[in-house]
Amino acid sequence: MAQELALAGPSKVVEDATSDIYGLLKQQISYVFKYQNYINDLKKQVQELRNKRQMVQKPVESAERQGEEIYELVTTWLNDVHEFTEEVAKSIIEDEDKANKGGCFKLASCPDLIQRYRLGKKAMKATINGADLLGKGNFSHVSYRPALQRTESMYVRGYEAFDSRMQVLQEIMDTLKDANVNMIGVYGMGGVGKTTLVRKVAWLARENKLFDEVAVAEVTQTPDYKKVQEKIAFDLGLEFGQEGEYQRGGLLRNRIKKEKNVLVIFDDIWTKVDLDAIGIPSRGADKQGKDDKVRRCVVLLTSRNLDVLKKDMKILKNIPVHPLSDGDSWNLFGKIVGD
């Protein structure tokens, strides 16, 4: 820098310094004689900000009615705009109105130059801040859907901790912890309590953090793959648009692969279920990533027919659910009918 100044010579230095002083002086004088332009620009900007704030506020109110969360950046911007338009800018504009009503601004013989200077400077600086707010108010989205807060009642209804059921529950939970097992079958006659049991499994697996995500879908005798996909997607926090079955399957598959451990429960299957078409990754542990983490997707299916699980679904680990023991049956009967 010193070399540049030396090469430029003293005349260049003086010229630059003079130019800077002249520019600063010109700006200071403009506060006095152009204060009204600054005030008018500020008034125009206030209206623009109020209009833009309304355009953002309306979708915010709509999102809040839908139970969505508003981005903190949006909330901060709305508050900053309100403070600017209703406090900062409003104060400057009101001061200008009072000065005009006092009459001294209008008298050519004794204009209040100091007051003009102060108002012009405040208005100009406020306009700069207002322009910054206008530039920051372009939001493509103002809200997001919060993560579903899951409770035990969402998974389990009417579960009773019978002795005969606790043994089966424990066996299922122990099998889920076995890294070598990725397909589990649970079978038993209709009405024996398979659904209630596996829903309890789903809750415990999530509560005990055995899996990062747990999804449960009912298949029934006439399976509807679209409904099954939508239910799994809902449990995983995934939203579908107008995609077809194949596209939905791809989205589900990609979503599941993003988690380290996922448990997917298909309740009440009657025939073979095409897991690949639904969007369930192929069975088996899949080592991915530089840290060699094991990504595991475990599928648990319930059925009345053991052959469906063994022959059609090729499941090696199948756990039976027998009718309640006589003691458990009597206790349940007494609880229902009372004394």
Protein backbone atom coordinates (compact mmCIF):
# COMPACT_ATOMS: atom_id res chain seq x y z
CA MET A 1 0.00 0.00 0.00
CA ALA A 2 2.83 2.38 0.89
CA GLN A 3 4.50 1.63 -2.43
CA GLU A 4 1.30 2.38 -4.30
CA LEU A 5 0.95 5.73 -2.53
CA ALA A 6 4.57 6.56 -3.27
CA LEU A 7 4.13 5.74 -6.95
CA ALA A 8 0.88 7.69 -7.14
CA GLY A 9 2.57 10.75 -5.74
CA PRO A 10 1.31 13.37 -3.31
CA SER A 11 -1.14 14.83 -5.82
CA LYS A 12 -3.05 11.52 -6.04
CA VAL A 13 -3.24 11.23 -2.26
CA VAL A 14 -4.54 14.78 -1.95
CA GLU A 15 -7.04 14.17 -4.74
CA ASP A 16 -8.43 11.03 -3.08
CA ALA A 17 -8.62 12.68 0.33
CA THR A 18 -10.39 15.70 -1.16
CA SER A 19 -12.84 13.43 -2.96
CA ASP A 20 -13.64 11.57 0.25
CA ILE A 21 -14.15 14.77 2.21
CA TYR A 22 -16.31 16.21 -0.56
CA GLY A 23 -18.47 13.07 -0.67
CA LEU A 24 -18.92 13.07 3.09
CA LEU A 25 -19.78 16.75 3.14
CA LYS A 26 -22.24 16.30 0.29
CA GLN A 27 -23.96 13.48 2.18
CA GLN A 28 -24.21 15.55 5.36
CA ILE A 29 -25.71 18.50 3.47
CA SER A 30 -28.23 16.20 1.77
CA TYR A 31 -29.65 15.33 5.20
CA VAL A 32 -30.71 18.97 5.52
CA PHE A 33 -32.00 19.79 2.05
CA LYS A 34 -33.24 16.36 0.98
CA TYR A 35 -34.72 15.26 4.29
CA GLN A 36 -38.21 15.26 2.78
CA ASN A 37 -37.11 12.82 0.06
CA TYR A 38 -35.69 10.52 2.73
CA ILE A 39 -38.94 10.74 4.72
CA ASN A 40 -41.03 9.99 1.63
CA ASP A 41 -38.80 7.02 0.73
CA LEU A 42 -39.21 5.73 4.29
CA LYS A 43 -43.01 6.07 4.14
CA LYS A 44 -43.08 4.16 0.86
CA GLN A 45 -40.85 1.47 2.29
CA VAL A 46 -43.03 1.09 5.40
CA GLN A 47 -46.04 0.41 3.19
CA GLU A 48 -44.09 -2.14 1.13
CA LEU A 49 -43.00 -3.91 4.29
CA ARG A 50 -46.54 -3.98 5.67
CA ASN A 51 -47.80 -5.48 2.42
CA LYS A 52 -45.04 -8.08 2.39
CA ARG A 53 -45.60 -8.90 6.05
CA GLN A 54 -49.26 -9.57 5.28
CA MET A 55 -48.28 -11.88 2.41
CA VAL A 56 -46.12 -13.89 4.82
CA GLN A 57 -48.50 -13.70 7.79
CA LYS A 58 -51.45 -15.28 5.96
CA PRO A 59 -49.71 -18.59 5.12
CA VAL A 60 -48.27 -18.59 8.64
CA GLU A 61 -51.75 -18.40 10.15
CA SER A 62 -52.98 -21.11 7.79
CA ALA A 63 -50.06 -23.37 8.74
CA GLU A 64 -50.71 -22.84 12.45
CA ARG A 65 -54.32 -23.90 11.99
CA GLN A 66 -53.01 -27.11 10.42
CA GLY A 67 -50.85 -27.73 13.50
CA GLU A 68 -47.58 -27.08 11.70
CA GLU A 69 -44.47 -25.48 13.19
CA ILE A 70 -43.32 -22.09 11.90
CA TYR A 71 -39.66 -21.69 11.00
CA GLU A 72 -37.86 -19.53 13.55
CA LEU A 73 -36.36 -17.44 10.74
CA VAL A 74 -39.89 -16.52 9.57
CA THR A 75 -41.08 -15.66 13.07
CA THR A 76 -38.02 -13.47 13.67
CA TRP A 77 -38.55 -11.66 10.37
CA LEU A 78 -42.21 -10.96 11.16
CA ASN A 79 -41.28 -9.55 14.57
CA ASP A 80 -38.47 -7.43 13.11
CA VAL A 81 -40.79 -5.99 10.45
CA HIS A 82 -43.42 -5.19 13.06
CA GLU A 83 -40.85 -3.44 15.24
CA PHE A 84 -39.47 -1.50 12.27
CA THR A 85 -42.80 -0.32 10.83
CA GLU A 86 -44.68 0.30 14.08
CA GLU A 87 -41.88 1.67 16.24
CA VAL A 88 -38.69 2.75 14.47
CA ALA A 89 -40.06 4.18 11.21
CA LYS A 90 -43.30 5.34 12.80
CA SER A 91 -41.35 7.37 15.37
CA ILE A 92 -39.33 9.15 12.65
CA ILE A 93 -42.43 9.91 10.56
CA GLU A 94 -44.32 11.24 13.61
CA ASP A 95 -41.39 13.50 14.49
CA GLU A 96 -41.47 14.90 10.96
CA ASP A 97 -45.22 15.55 11.23
CA LYS A 98 -44.77 17.37 14.53
CA ALA A 99 -41.99 19.52 13.08
CA ASN A 100 -44.18 20.45 10.11
CA LYS A 101 -47.08 21.35 12.38
CA GLY A 102 -44.73 23.57 14.36
CA GLY A 103 -44.32 25.67 11.22
CA CYS A 104 -40.60 26.31 11.47
CA PHE A 105 -39.81 23.84 8.67
CA LYS A 106 -41.96 25.90 6.32
CA LEU A 107 -40.45 29.28 7.09
CA ALA A 108 -37.69 30.10 4.65
CA SER A 109 -36.37 32.78 6.99
CA CYS A 110 -35.77 30.43 9.93
CA PRO A 111 -35.81 26.78 8.95
CA ASP A 112 -34.75 24.41 11.74
CA LEU A 113 -31.66 23.06 9.98
CA ILE A 114 -30.57 20.95 12.93
CA GLN A 115 -33.95 19.21 13.14
CA ARG A 116 -33.94 18.67 9.37
CA TYR A 117 -30.45 17.18 9.58
CA ARG A 118 -31.41 14.80 12.37
CA LEU A 119 -34.60 13.62 10.66
CA GLY A 120 -32.92 13.26 7.28
CA LYS A 121 -30.09 11.19 8.73
CA LYS A 122 -32.47 8.96 10.75
CA ALA A 123 -34.74 8.44 7.75
CA MET A 124 -31.86 7.54 5.44
CA LYS A 125 -30.40 5.00 7.88
CA ALA A 126 -33.85 3.53 8.55
CA THR A 127 -34.41 3.15 4.81
CA ILE A 128 -31.22 1.11 4.54
CA ASN A 129 -32.42 -1.20 7.34
CA GLY A 130 -35.85 -1.44 5.75
CA ALA A 131 -34.35 -2.46 2.41
CA ASP A 132 -32.45 -5.21 4.20
CA LEU A 133 -35.69 -6.49 5.74
CA LEU A 134 -37.44 -6.44 2.38
CA GLY A 135 -34.67 -8.51 0.86
CA LYS A 136 -34.88 -11.12 3.62
CA GLY A 137 -38.63 -11.60 3.37
CA ASN A 138 -38.68 -14.03 0.44
CA PHE A 139 -39.67 -17.42 1.91
CA SER A 140 -40.45 -20.45 -0.23
CA HIS A 141 -41.85 -22.24 2.85
CA VAL A 142 -42.90 -20.77 6.18
CA SER A 143 -43.64 -23.95 8.13
CA TYR A 144 -42.98 -27.65 8.51
CA ARG A 145 -44.90 -30.61 9.85
CA PRO A 146 -43.57 -31.54 13.31
CA ALA A 147 -42.40 -35.06 14.05
CA LEU A 148 -45.20 -37.27 15.31
CA GLN A 149 -45.11 -37.60 19.08
CA ARG A 150 -45.79 -41.29 19.57
CA THR A 151 -47.33 -42.67 22.74
CA GLU A 152 -47.98 -46.21 23.92
CA SER A 153 -51.73 -45.79 23.33
CA MET A 154 -51.01 -45.26 19.62
CA TYR A 155 -49.59 -48.76 19.41
CA VAL A 156 -51.26 -50.77 22.15
CA ARG A 157 -54.90 -51.05 23.15
CA GLY A 158 -56.27 -53.69 25.46
CA TYR A 159 -52.98 -55.41 26.15
CA GLU A 160 -52.95 -57.60 29.26
CA ALA A 161 -49.70 -58.85 30.77
CA PHE A 162 -50.73 -62.50 31.10
CA ASP A 163 -48.08 -64.98 32.15
CA SER A 164 -48.55 -67.07 29.01
CA ARG A 165 -48.19 -63.97 26.86
CA MET A 166 -45.14 -62.61 28.64
CA GLN A 167 -43.15 -65.66 27.59
CA VAL A 168 -44.05 -65.14 23.92
CA LEU A 169 -43.39 -61.40 24.17
CA GLN A 170 -39.96 -62.02 25.64
CA GLU A 171 -39.11 -64.55 22.93
CA ILE A 172 -40.02 -62.05 20.21
CA MET A 173 -37.99 -59.29 21.86
CA ASP A 174 -34.97 -61.57 22.23
CA THR A 175 -35.24 -62.56 18.56
CA LEU A 176 -35.34 -58.91 17.50
CA LYS A 177 -31.99 -58.41 19.22
CA ASP A 178 -30.42 -61.20 17.17
CA ALA A 179 -28.49 -59.46 14.38
CA ASN A 180 -28.61 -62.66 12.30
CA VAL A 181 -32.42 -62.69 12.10
CA ASN A 182 -34.19 -60.26 9.77
CA MET A 183 -37.51 -62.04 9.20
CA ILE A 184 -39.74 -63.16 12.06
CA GLY A 185 -43.10 -64.89 11.87
CA VAL A 186 -45.78 -64.90 14.58
CA TYR A 187 -48.68 -67.29 14.05
CA GLY A 188 -51.79 -68.46 15.84
CA MET A 189 -55.53 -68.95 15.42
CA GLY A 190 -57.83 -65.99 14.82
CA GLY A 191 -58.68 -63.97 17.92
CA VAL A 192 -55.79 -65.34 19.95
CA GLY A 193 -54.28 -61.86 20.39
CA LYS A 194 -51.49 -61.67 17.78
CA THR A 195 -52.27 -58.09 16.80
CA THR A 196 -52.26 -56.79 20.36
CA LEU A 197 -49.09 -58.70 21.09
CA VAL A 198 -47.06 -57.40 18.12
CA ARG A 199 -48.26 -53.86 18.75
CA LYS A 200 -46.85 -54.17 22.24
CA VAL A 201 -43.65 -55.40 20.61
CA ALA A 202 -43.64 -52.33 18.37
CA TRP A 203 -43.94 -49.99 21.33
CA LEU A 204 -41.25 -51.75 23.38
CA ALA A 205 -38.89 -51.88 20.40
CA ARG A 206 -39.22 -48.14 19.98
CA GLU A 207 -39.27 -47.26 23.67
CA ASN A 208 -36.18 -49.36 24.40
CA LYS A 209 -34.43 -47.90 21.34
CA LEU A 210 -33.86 -51.28 19.71
CA PHE A 211 -34.80 -49.60 16.43
CA ASP A 212 -34.56 -46.05 15.15
CA GLU A 213 -37.92 -46.34 13.42
CA VAL A 214 -40.90 -48.70 13.77
CA ALA A 215 -43.77 -49.02 11.29
CA VAL A 216 -46.92 -51.14 11.58
CA ALA A 217 -49.34 -51.93 8.75
CA GLU A 218 -52.37 -54.22 8.61
CA VAL A 219 -52.52 -56.37 5.47
CA THR A 220 -55.77 -58.40 5.86
CA GLN A 221 -57.28 -61.06 3.60
CA THR A 222 -57.58 -58.68 0.63
CA PRO A 223 -54.32 -56.69 0.73
CA ASP A 224 -54.27 -53.16 -0.63
CA TYR A 225 -50.62 -52.33 -1.28
CA LYS A 226 -51.33 -48.63 -1.62
CA LYS A 227 -52.85 -48.44 1.87
CA VAL A 228 -50.04 -50.57 3.26
CA GLN A 229 -47.43 -48.27 1.70
CA GLU A 230 -49.21 -45.16 2.96
CA LYS A 231 -49.39 -46.52 6.52
CA ILE A 232 -45.69 -47.43 6.59
CA ALA A 233 -44.81 -44.05 5.08
CA PHE A 234 -46.89 -42.26 7.74
CA ASP A 235 -45.11 -44.09 10.55
CA LEU A 236 -41.75 -43.18 9.00
CA GLY A 237 -42.69 -39.52 8.53
CA LEU A 238 -42.73 -39.80 4.74
CA GLU A 239 -45.32 -38.03 2.58
CA PHE A 240 -46.50 -39.28 -0.80
CA GLY A 241 -47.83 -37.17 -3.64
CA GLN A 242 -49.49 -38.63 -6.71
CA GLU A 243 -46.90 -41.37 -7.25
CA GLY A 244 -47.82 -44.82 -8.49
CA GLU A 245 -47.13 -48.05 -6.63
CA TYR A 246 -43.66 -48.49 -8.15
CA GLN A 247 -42.61 -44.91 -7.32
CA ARG A 248 -44.00 -45.18 -3.79
CA GLY A 249 -41.99 -48.36 -3.33
CA GLY A 250 -38.82 -46.59 -4.40
CA LEU A 251 -39.44 -43.71 -2.00
CA LEU A 252 -40.09 -46.10 0.87
CA ARG A 253 -36.98 -48.11 0.09
CA ASN A 254 -34.80 -45.01 0.08
CA ARG A 255 -36.38 -43.75 3.29
CA ILE A 256 -35.76 -47.03 5.11
CA LYS A 257 -32.14 -47.20 3.94
CA LYS A 258 -31.44 -43.86 5.58
CA GLU A 259 -31.98 -45.35 9.04
CA LYS A 260 -29.56 -47.64 10.84
CA ASN A 261 -32.24 -49.96 12.25
CA VAL A 262 -35.87 -50.22 11.13
CA LEU A 263 -38.61 -52.61 12.22
CA VAL A 264 -41.57 -53.08 9.87
CA ILE A 265 -44.54 -55.13 11.08
CA PHE A 266 -47.08 -56.61 8.66
CA ASP A 267 -50.07 -57.77 10.64
CA ASP A 268 -52.55 -60.44 9.52
CA ILE A 269 -51.25 -61.71 6.19
CA TRP A 270 -53.22 -64.44 4.42
CA THR A 271 -51.12 -64.97 1.32
CA LYS A 272 -47.62 -64.17 0.11
CA VAL A 273 -46.73 -60.48 0.43
CA ASP A 274 -44.43 -58.92 -2.18
CA LEU A 275 -42.13 -56.97 0.10
CA ASP A 276 -40.04 -55.65 -2.79
CA ALA A 277 -43.10 -54.18 -4.51
CA ILE A 278 -44.14 -52.47 -1.28
CA GLY A 279 -40.67 -50.96 -0.87
CA ILE A 280 -38.98 -53.08 1.80
CA PRO A 281 -35.23 -53.50 1.16
CA SER A 282 -34.01 -57.04 0.58
CA ARG A 283 -33.49 -59.04 3.72
CA GLY A 284 -30.11 -59.26 5.40
CA ALA A 285 -27.75 -56.85 7.06
CA ASP A 286 -26.23 -54.35 4.66
CA LYS A 287 -22.87 -52.83 5.51
CA GLN A 288 -22.64 -49.32 4.17
CA GLY A 289 -20.54 -46.21 4.65
CA LYS A 290 -16.98 -45.51 5.64
CA ASP A 291 -17.71 -46.21 9.29
CA ASP A 292 -18.95 -49.69 8.35
CA LYS A 293 -22.22 -49.28 10.24
CA VAL A 294 -24.66 -52.13 9.83
CA ARG A 295 -27.99 -51.01 8.41
CA ARG A 296 -30.68 -53.51 9.34
CA CYS A 297 -34.31 -53.74 8.31
CA VAL A 298 -36.25 -56.36 10.28
CA VAL A 299 -39.63 -57.56 9.05
CA LEU A 300 -42.13 -59.16 11.45
CA LEU A 301 -45.26 -60.77 10.02
CA THR A 302 -48.30 -62.29 11.73
CA SER A 303 -50.59 -64.87 10.19
CA ARG A 304 -53.14 -67.50 11.09
CA ASN A 305 -51.42 -69.90 8.72
CA LEU A 306 -47.93 -71.16 9.50
CA ASP A 307 -47.50 -72.39 5.92
CA VAL A 308 -47.86 -68.85 4.61
CA LEU A 309 -44.96 -67.78 6.80
CA LYS A 310 -42.73 -70.80 6.20
CA LYS A 311 -43.40 -71.69 2.57
CA ASP A 312 -44.57 -68.46 0.97
CA MET A 313 -42.49 -65.93 2.93
CA LYS A 314 -39.53 -68.30 3.55
CA ILE A 315 -39.31 -67.33 7.23
CA LEU A 316 -37.10 -69.59 9.33
CA LYS A 317 -37.93 -68.16 12.76
CA ASN A 318 -41.66 -68.56 13.52
CA ILE A 319 -43.07 -68.06 17.01
CA PRO A 320 -46.45 -69.55 17.98
CA VAL A 321 -49.12 -67.73 19.98
CA HIS A 322 -51.31 -70.28 21.73
CA PRO A 323 -54.69 -69.66 23.34
CA LEU A 324 -54.59 -68.34 26.90
CA SER A 325 -53.95 -70.81 29.65
CA ASP A 326 -56.86 -71.79 31.87
CA GLY A 327 -55.63 -69.52 34.63
CA ASP A 328 -55.19 -66.51 32.32
CA SER A 329 -58.58 -67.18 30.70
CA TRP A 330 -60.28 -67.24 34.08
CA ASN A 331 -58.58 -64.02 35.18
CA LEU A 332 -59.65 -62.30 31.94
CA PHE A 333 -63.20 -63.56 32.35
CA GLY A 334 -63.32 -62.26 35.91
CA LYS A 335 -61.96 -58.88 34.86
CA ILE A 336 -64.62 -58.51 32.18
CA VAL A 337 -67.70 -59.62 34.14
CA GLY A 338 -66.60 -58.49 37.59
CA ASP A 339 -67.66 -60.07 40.89
